[in-house]
Amino acid sequence: MSDDARGAQPAADAVADALGRVPSVRLHQGSAAGTHLPGRRVHGVRVHDAGVEVHVAAVWPTTVEEAAQAVRAALAPLVTGRVDVTIDDVVLDDDPRSEGLGPEGTATEVSHA
């Protein structure tokens, strides 16, 4: 999709960069959502005509609501239109799996019995 087709929407990389500066969330690497670019993929970000869709993991003890608000605040200067936020996981800040990937590159599941 060209910049003209997207109107004023930012590139997926700009969205990912902005979210990388939000300490309470991480882009969810195991999400089916993503943007394919030549030779790589921007995980957890889809840019479309009406806005953007992002899939993130909230960093504990951030609540789901706080995470969604932080995402929308970070993207407000970049995105015209909707910001759809999906919280795919909650991770610990010091968890080595906190980027959303397990050892085989699959989505991490954390359960506390």
N, C-alpha and C. Protein backbone atom coordinates (compact mmCIF):
# COMPACT_ATOMS: atom_id res chain seq x y z
N MET A 1 0.84 -1.17 0.00
CA MET A 1 0.00 0.00 0.00
C MET A 1 0.89 1.24 0.00
N SER A 2 0.64 2.14 -0.88
CA SER A 2 1.46 3.36 -0.97
C SER A 2 1.04 4.36 0.09
N ASP A 3 1.90 5.37 0.31
CA ASP A 3 1.57 6.41 1.28
C ASP A 3 0.29 7.13 0.87
N ASP A 4 0.09 7.32 -0.46
CA ASP A 4 -1.12 7.99 -0.92
C ASP A 4 -2.36 7.17 -0.58
N ALA A 5 -2.26 5.84 -0.70
CA ALA A 5 -3.40 4.99 -0.41
C ALA A 5 -3.74 5.01 1.07
N ARG A 6 -2.75 5.18 1.92
CA ARG A 6 -2.98 5.19 3.35
C ARG A 6 -3.35 6.57 3.87
N GLY A 7 -3.27 7.56 3.05
CA GLY A 7 -3.53 8.91 3.54
C GLY A 7 -2.41 9.32 4.48
N ALA A 8 -2.76 9.77 5.67
CA ALA A 8 -1.77 10.30 6.61
C ALA A 8 -1.31 9.25 7.63
N GLN A 9 -1.60 7.98 7.41
CA GLN A 9 -1.20 6.96 8.38
C GLN A 9 0.32 6.77 8.34
N PRO A 10 0.91 6.50 9.50
CA PRO A 10 2.36 6.30 9.56
C PRO A 10 2.76 4.92 9.04
N ALA A 11 4.03 4.76 8.76
CA ALA A 11 4.55 3.45 8.39
C ALA A 11 4.57 2.55 9.62
N ALA A 12 4.52 1.24 9.39
CA ALA A 12 4.54 0.27 10.49
C ALA A 12 5.78 0.44 11.36
N ASP A 13 6.91 0.76 10.76
CA ASP A 13 8.14 0.97 11.53
C ASP A 13 8.00 2.15 12.50
N ALA A 14 7.34 3.22 12.08
CA ALA A 14 7.16 4.38 12.95
C ALA A 14 6.27 4.02 14.14
N VAL A 15 5.25 3.22 13.90
CA VAL A 15 4.38 2.77 14.98
C VAL A 15 5.18 1.90 15.96
N ALA A 16 5.94 0.95 15.43
CA ALA A 16 6.75 0.07 16.28
C ALA A 16 7.77 0.87 17.08
N ASP A 17 8.41 1.84 16.45
CA ASP A 17 9.39 2.68 17.16
C ASP A 17 8.74 3.45 18.30
N ALA A 18 7.57 4.02 18.05
CA ALA A 18 6.86 4.78 19.09
C ALA A 18 6.49 3.86 20.25
N LEU A 19 6.03 2.67 19.96
CA LEU A 19 5.64 1.75 21.03
C LEU A 19 6.85 1.18 21.76
N GLY A 20 7.99 1.15 21.10
CA GLY A 20 9.21 0.70 21.76
C GLY A 20 9.67 1.64 22.87
N ARG A 21 9.15 2.85 22.88
CA ARG A 21 9.49 3.82 23.92
C ARG A 21 8.47 3.84 25.06
N VAL A 22 7.49 2.94 25.02
CA VAL A 22 6.47 2.86 26.07
C VAL A 22 6.86 1.72 27.01
N PRO A 23 7.30 2.03 28.24
CA PRO A 23 7.82 0.99 29.12
C PRO A 23 6.76 0.01 29.62
N SER A 24 5.49 0.36 29.53
CA SER A 24 4.45 -0.51 30.08
C SER A 24 3.91 -1.54 29.09
N VAL A 25 4.40 -1.51 27.84
CA VAL A 25 3.96 -2.49 26.84
C VAL A 25 5.13 -2.93 25.96
N ARG A 26 4.94 -4.06 25.33
CA ARG A 26 5.87 -4.56 24.32
C ARG A 26 5.06 -5.08 23.15
N LEU A 27 5.51 -4.85 21.95
CA LEU A 27 4.83 -5.45 20.80
C LEU A 27 4.86 -6.96 20.98
N HIS A 28 3.75 -7.59 20.65
CA HIS A 28 3.64 -9.02 20.85
C HIS A 28 4.19 -9.75 19.62
N GLN A 29 5.34 -10.36 19.80
CA GLN A 29 6.04 -11.03 18.70
C GLN A 29 5.32 -12.28 18.21
N GLY A 30 4.50 -12.89 19.04
CA GLY A 30 3.81 -14.12 18.65
C GLY A 30 2.45 -13.88 18.02
N SER A 31 2.07 -12.64 17.84
CA SER A 31 0.76 -12.32 17.29
C SER A 31 0.69 -12.63 15.80
N ALA A 32 -0.50 -13.00 15.35
CA ALA A 32 -0.72 -13.20 13.92
C ALA A 32 -0.71 -11.86 13.18
N ALA A 33 -0.98 -10.78 13.91
CA ALA A 33 -0.97 -9.46 13.29
C ALA A 33 0.46 -9.03 13.00
N GLY A 34 0.65 -8.43 11.87
CA GLY A 34 1.97 -7.93 11.52
C GLY A 34 1.96 -7.31 10.14
N THR A 35 3.05 -6.67 9.81
CA THR A 35 3.21 -6.06 8.50
C THR A 35 4.44 -6.67 7.83
N HIS A 36 4.22 -7.25 6.67
CA HIS A 36 5.33 -7.83 5.92
C HIS A 36 5.98 -6.76 5.06
N LEU A 37 7.28 -6.62 5.21
CA LEU A 37 8.07 -5.69 4.42
C LEU A 37 9.16 -6.49 3.72
N PRO A 38 9.82 -5.94 2.75
CA PRO A 38 10.86 -6.71 2.05
C PRO A 38 11.91 -7.27 3.01
N GLY A 39 11.97 -8.58 3.12
CA GLY A 39 12.98 -9.25 3.92
C GLY A 39 12.73 -9.28 5.41
N ARG A 40 11.59 -8.79 5.87
CA ARG A 40 11.35 -8.77 7.31
C ARG A 40 9.86 -8.56 7.60
N ARG A 41 9.55 -8.63 8.88
CA ARG A 41 8.17 -8.45 9.33
C ARG A 41 8.16 -7.56 10.57
N VAL A 42 7.24 -6.62 10.62
CA VAL A 42 7.02 -5.80 11.82
C VAL A 42 5.91 -6.49 12.60
N HIS A 43 6.28 -7.17 13.67
CA HIS A 43 5.32 -7.95 14.46
C HIS A 43 4.38 -7.04 15.23
N GLY A 44 3.11 -7.44 15.26
CA GLY A 44 2.13 -6.77 16.11
C GLY A 44 1.58 -5.46 15.59
N VAL A 45 1.89 -5.08 14.34
CA VAL A 45 1.42 -3.80 13.80
C VAL A 45 0.79 -4.01 12.43
N ARG A 46 -0.42 -3.51 12.28
CA ARG A 46 -1.07 -3.45 10.96
C ARG A 46 -1.54 -2.02 10.75
N VAL A 47 -1.17 -1.45 9.63
CA VAL A 47 -1.60 -0.10 9.27
C VAL A 47 -2.64 -0.25 8.17
N HIS A 48 -3.77 0.44 8.32
CA HIS A 48 -4.82 0.38 7.30
C HIS A 48 -5.40 1.78 7.11
N ASP A 49 -6.29 1.90 6.15
CA ASP A 49 -6.85 3.22 5.80
C ASP A 49 -7.50 3.94 6.98
N ALA A 50 -8.16 3.19 7.86
CA ALA A 50 -8.90 3.82 8.95
C ALA A 50 -8.05 4.09 10.19
N GLY A 51 -6.81 3.62 10.22
CA GLY A 51 -5.95 3.81 11.39
C GLY A 51 -4.94 2.69 11.51
N VAL A 52 -4.71 2.22 12.74
CA VAL A 52 -3.76 1.14 12.96
C VAL A 52 -4.34 0.12 13.94
N GLU A 53 -3.82 -1.09 13.85
CA GLU A 53 -4.14 -2.17 14.78
C GLU A 53 -2.82 -2.61 15.38
N VAL A 54 -2.76 -2.67 16.71
CA VAL A 54 -1.54 -3.12 17.37
C VAL A 54 -1.87 -4.23 18.36
N HIS A 55 -0.94 -5.18 18.47
CA HIS A 55 -1.06 -6.28 19.42
C HIS A 55 0.15 -6.19 20.33
N VAL A 56 -0.12 -6.04 21.63
CA VAL A 56 0.95 -5.83 22.60
C VAL A 56 0.80 -6.78 23.79
N ALA A 57 1.88 -6.87 24.54
CA ALA A 57 1.87 -7.51 25.86
C ALA A 57 2.02 -6.39 26.88
N ALA A 58 1.17 -6.42 27.90
CA ALA A 58 1.28 -5.45 28.99
C ALA A 58 2.34 -5.95 29.96
N VAL A 59 3.17 -5.04 30.46
CA VAL A 59 4.21 -5.40 31.42
C VAL A 59 3.63 -5.26 32.82
N TRP A 60 3.62 -6.36 33.57
CA TRP A 60 3.12 -6.39 34.95
C TRP A 60 3.82 -5.35 35.80
N PRO A 61 3.17 -4.56 36.59
CA PRO A 61 1.80 -4.63 37.05
C PRO A 61 0.84 -3.72 36.29
N THR A 62 1.18 -3.32 35.09
CA THR A 62 0.30 -2.47 34.29
C THR A 62 -1.01 -3.19 34.02
N THR A 63 -2.13 -2.50 34.22
CA THR A 63 -3.42 -3.10 33.92
C THR A 63 -3.67 -3.03 32.41
N VAL A 64 -4.63 -3.80 31.97
CA VAL A 64 -4.99 -3.80 30.55
C VAL A 64 -5.43 -2.41 30.12
N GLU A 65 -6.24 -1.76 30.94
CA GLU A 65 -6.70 -0.41 30.63
C GLU A 65 -5.54 0.58 30.55
N GLU A 66 -4.62 0.51 31.50
CA GLU A 66 -3.45 1.40 31.48
C GLU A 66 -2.59 1.16 30.24
N ALA A 67 -2.43 -0.09 29.86
CA ALA A 67 -1.64 -0.42 28.67
C ALA A 67 -2.28 0.15 27.42
N ALA A 68 -3.58 -0.02 27.28
CA ALA A 68 -4.28 0.50 26.11
C ALA A 68 -4.19 2.03 26.05
N GLN A 69 -4.34 2.68 27.20
CA GLN A 69 -4.23 4.14 27.25
C GLN A 69 -2.82 4.59 26.87
N ALA A 70 -1.80 3.88 27.34
CA ALA A 70 -0.42 4.24 27.02
C ALA A 70 -0.15 4.09 25.53
N VAL A 71 -0.69 3.04 24.92
CA VAL A 71 -0.52 2.83 23.48
C VAL A 71 -1.18 3.97 22.72
N ARG A 72 -2.41 4.27 23.05
CA ARG A 72 -3.13 5.34 22.33
C ARG A 72 -2.44 6.70 22.50
N ALA A 73 -1.93 6.97 23.69
CA ALA A 73 -1.22 8.24 23.93
C ALA A 73 0.06 8.31 23.10
N ALA A 74 0.79 7.21 23.02
CA ALA A 74 2.04 7.20 22.25
C ALA A 74 1.79 7.36 20.76
N LEU A 75 0.66 6.85 20.28
CA LEU A 75 0.38 6.89 18.84
C LEU A 75 -0.44 8.10 18.41
N ALA A 76 -0.98 8.84 19.37
CA ALA A 76 -1.82 10.00 19.03
C ALA A 76 -1.14 10.99 18.09
N PRO A 77 0.16 11.31 18.27
CA PRO A 77 0.79 12.26 17.35
C PRO A 77 1.01 11.70 15.94
N LEU A 78 0.95 10.37 15.80
CA LEU A 78 1.27 9.74 14.52
C LEU A 78 0.06 9.33 13.69
N VAL A 79 -0.97 8.87 14.37
CA VAL A 79 -2.08 8.19 13.70
C VAL A 79 -3.30 9.08 13.59
N THR A 80 -3.84 9.13 12.38
CA THR A 80 -5.15 9.75 12.20
C THR A 80 -6.14 8.60 12.09
N GLY A 81 -7.21 8.69 12.82
CA GLY A 81 -8.20 7.61 12.79
C GLY A 81 -8.07 6.73 14.01
N ARG A 82 -8.55 5.50 13.83
CA ARG A 82 -8.65 4.55 14.94
C ARG A 82 -7.30 3.97 15.34
N VAL A 83 -7.18 3.68 16.63
CA VAL A 83 -6.08 2.89 17.15
C VAL A 83 -6.72 1.71 17.88
N ASP A 84 -6.71 0.56 17.23
CA ASP A 84 -7.27 -0.65 17.82
C ASP A 84 -6.16 -1.37 18.56
N VAL A 85 -6.35 -1.59 19.87
CA VAL A 85 -5.33 -2.19 20.73
C VAL A 85 -5.83 -3.54 21.21
N THR A 86 -5.02 -4.56 20.99
CA THR A 86 -5.29 -5.89 21.52
C THR A 86 -4.17 -6.24 22.48
N ILE A 87 -4.54 -6.59 23.72
CA ILE A 87 -3.56 -7.04 24.71
C ILE A 87 -3.52 -8.56 24.61
N ASP A 88 -2.44 -9.09 24.04
CA ASP A 88 -2.32 -10.52 23.81
C ASP A 88 -1.72 -11.27 24.99
N ASP A 89 -1.07 -10.56 25.90
CA ASP A 89 -0.37 -11.24 26.98
C ASP A 89 -0.05 -10.23 28.07
N VAL A 90 0.29 -10.74 29.25
CA VAL A 90 0.84 -9.94 30.34
C VAL A 90 2.16 -10.60 30.69
N VAL A 91 3.24 -9.81 30.74
CA VAL A 91 4.58 -10.36 30.97
C VAL A 91 5.24 -9.64 32.14
N LEU A 92 6.23 -10.31 32.71
CA LEU A 92 7.05 -9.70 33.75
C LEU A 92 8.18 -8.96 33.07
N ASP A 93 8.57 -7.84 33.62
CA ASP A 93 9.62 -7.02 33.01
C ASP A 93 10.94 -7.76 32.88
N ASP A 94 11.27 -8.62 33.85
CA ASP A 94 12.54 -9.32 33.82
C ASP A 94 12.43 -10.74 33.25
N ASP A 95 11.28 -11.09 32.71
CA ASP A 95 11.08 -12.41 32.12
C ASP A 95 11.82 -12.48 30.80
N PRO A 96 12.74 -13.45 30.62
CA PRO A 96 13.47 -13.52 29.35
C PRO A 96 12.55 -13.80 28.17
N ARG A 97 11.34 -14.28 28.42
CA ARG A 97 10.38 -14.52 27.35
C ARG A 97 9.50 -13.32 27.09
N SER A 98 9.78 -12.18 27.71
CA SER A 98 8.87 -11.05 27.68
C SER A 98 8.71 -10.38 26.33
N GLU A 99 9.47 -10.79 25.36
CA GLU A 99 9.25 -10.27 24.02
C GLU A 99 8.13 -11.01 23.31
N GLY A 100 7.50 -11.98 24.00
CA GLY A 100 6.36 -12.66 23.41
C GLY A 100 6.71 -13.93 22.67
N LEU A 101 7.98 -14.31 22.65
CA LEU A 101 8.36 -15.52 21.93
C LEU A 101 8.95 -16.54 22.87
N GLY A 102 8.57 -17.76 22.68
CA GLY A 102 9.19 -18.86 23.38
C GLY A 102 10.43 -19.31 22.63
N PRO A 103 11.09 -20.37 23.08
CA PRO A 103 12.33 -20.80 22.46
C PRO A 103 12.18 -21.20 21.00
N GLU A 104 11.01 -21.67 20.61
CA GLU A 104 10.81 -22.09 19.22
C GLU A 104 10.16 -21.01 18.37
N GLY A 105 10.03 -19.79 18.90
CA GLY A 105 9.43 -18.71 18.14
C GLY A 105 7.92 -18.72 18.17
N THR A 106 7.32 -19.46 19.09
CA THR A 106 5.88 -19.49 19.22
C THR A 106 5.43 -18.55 20.34
N ALA A 107 4.17 -18.22 20.35
CA ALA A 107 3.67 -17.31 21.38
C ALA A 107 3.86 -17.94 22.75
N THR A 108 4.29 -17.14 23.68
CA THR A 108 4.53 -17.60 25.05
C THR A 108 3.21 -17.67 25.80
N GLU A 109 3.00 -18.76 26.51
CA GLU A 109 1.85 -18.88 27.40
C GLU A 109 2.38 -18.92 28.81
N VAL A 110 1.82 -18.07 29.66
CA VAL A 110 2.23 -18.04 31.06
C VAL A 110 1.01 -18.39 31.89
N SER A 111 1.12 -19.41 32.73
CA SER A 111 0.02 -19.75 33.62
C SER A 111 0.55 -19.82 35.04
N HIS A 112 -0.28 -19.44 35.95
CA HIS A 112 0.07 -19.48 37.37
C HIS A 112 -0.99 -20.30 38.07
N ALA A 113 -0.64 -21.54 38.40
CA ALA A 113 -1.61 -22.43 39.05
C ALA A 113 -1.61 -22.25 40.54
